[in-house]
Protein backbone atom coordinates (compact mmCIF):
# COMPACT_ATOMS: atom_id res chain seq x y z
CA MET A 1 -94.53 -104.92 -160.60
CA ILE A 2 -93.77 -108.32 -159.42
CA ALA A 3 -92.20 -108.97 -163.37
CA LEU A 4 -89.86 -105.70 -163.26
CA ALA A 5 -88.56 -106.47 -159.41
CA TRP A 6 -87.98 -110.20 -160.66
CA LYS A 7 -85.98 -108.73 -164.01
CA ARG A 8 -84.24 -107.10 -161.21
CA ASN A 9 -83.03 -109.78 -158.92
CA LEU A 10 -83.62 -112.81 -160.18
CA ASN A 11 -82.70 -114.63 -157.76
CA ALA A 12 -85.36 -113.25 -155.65
CA GLN A 13 -88.55 -114.87 -154.42
CA PHE A 14 -92.06 -113.09 -155.01
CA ALA A 15 -95.14 -113.93 -153.96
CA ALA A 16 -98.74 -112.36 -155.28
CA GLY A 17 -102.03 -112.52 -154.09
CA ASP A 18 -105.04 -110.95 -151.75
CA ILE A 19 -103.13 -109.36 -148.97
CA CYS A 20 -106.71 -110.56 -146.98
CA THR A 21 -106.38 -114.35 -147.09
CA TRP A 22 -102.64 -115.23 -148.02
CA ARG A 23 -101.08 -117.26 -145.52
CA LEU A 24 -97.53 -117.01 -145.25
CA PRO A 25 -95.36 -119.93 -145.80
CA GLN A 26 -92.89 -119.22 -143.35
CA HIS A 27 -92.73 -116.80 -140.07
CA TYR A 28 -90.99 -113.49 -141.26
CA ASP A 29 -89.02 -111.02 -138.56
CA LEU A 30 -90.80 -107.97 -140.93
CA ILE A 31 -93.20 -107.92 -144.05
CA THR A 32 -93.37 -104.30 -145.71
CA ALA A 33 -96.60 -103.92 -147.64
CA TRP A 34 -97.30 -100.16 -145.97
CA ASP A 35 -98.42 -98.47 -149.55
CA SER A 36 -100.53 -101.51 -150.21
CA LEU A 37 -103.07 -101.59 -146.83
CA PHE A 38 -104.18 -97.34 -147.99
CA HIS A 39 -106.43 -99.59 -150.59
CA LEU A 40 -108.51 -101.77 -148.07
CA PRO A 41 -111.46 -100.47 -145.77
CA LEU A 42 -109.50 -99.28 -142.31
CA ILE A 43 -111.85 -102.39 -140.58
CA ARG A 44 -109.39 -104.54 -142.63
CA HIS A 45 -106.82 -103.26 -141.33
CA GLU A 46 -105.54 -104.32 -137.94
CA PRO A 47 -106.33 -108.53 -139.41
CA VAL A 48 -104.03 -107.69 -141.92
CA LEU A 49 -101.61 -106.47 -139.83
CA LYS A 50 -101.42 -108.87 -137.33
């Protein structure tokens, strides 16, 4: 999906990794990964969102 998105916007930056262990390189006001959460066990939702 990242490869397809990158083809549509060559200036964008994308990252791929494990949503449960990835550490953000900087602070963001908003990150949208809503559909990704459905693939996680319920116990992992809160830590990922924090």
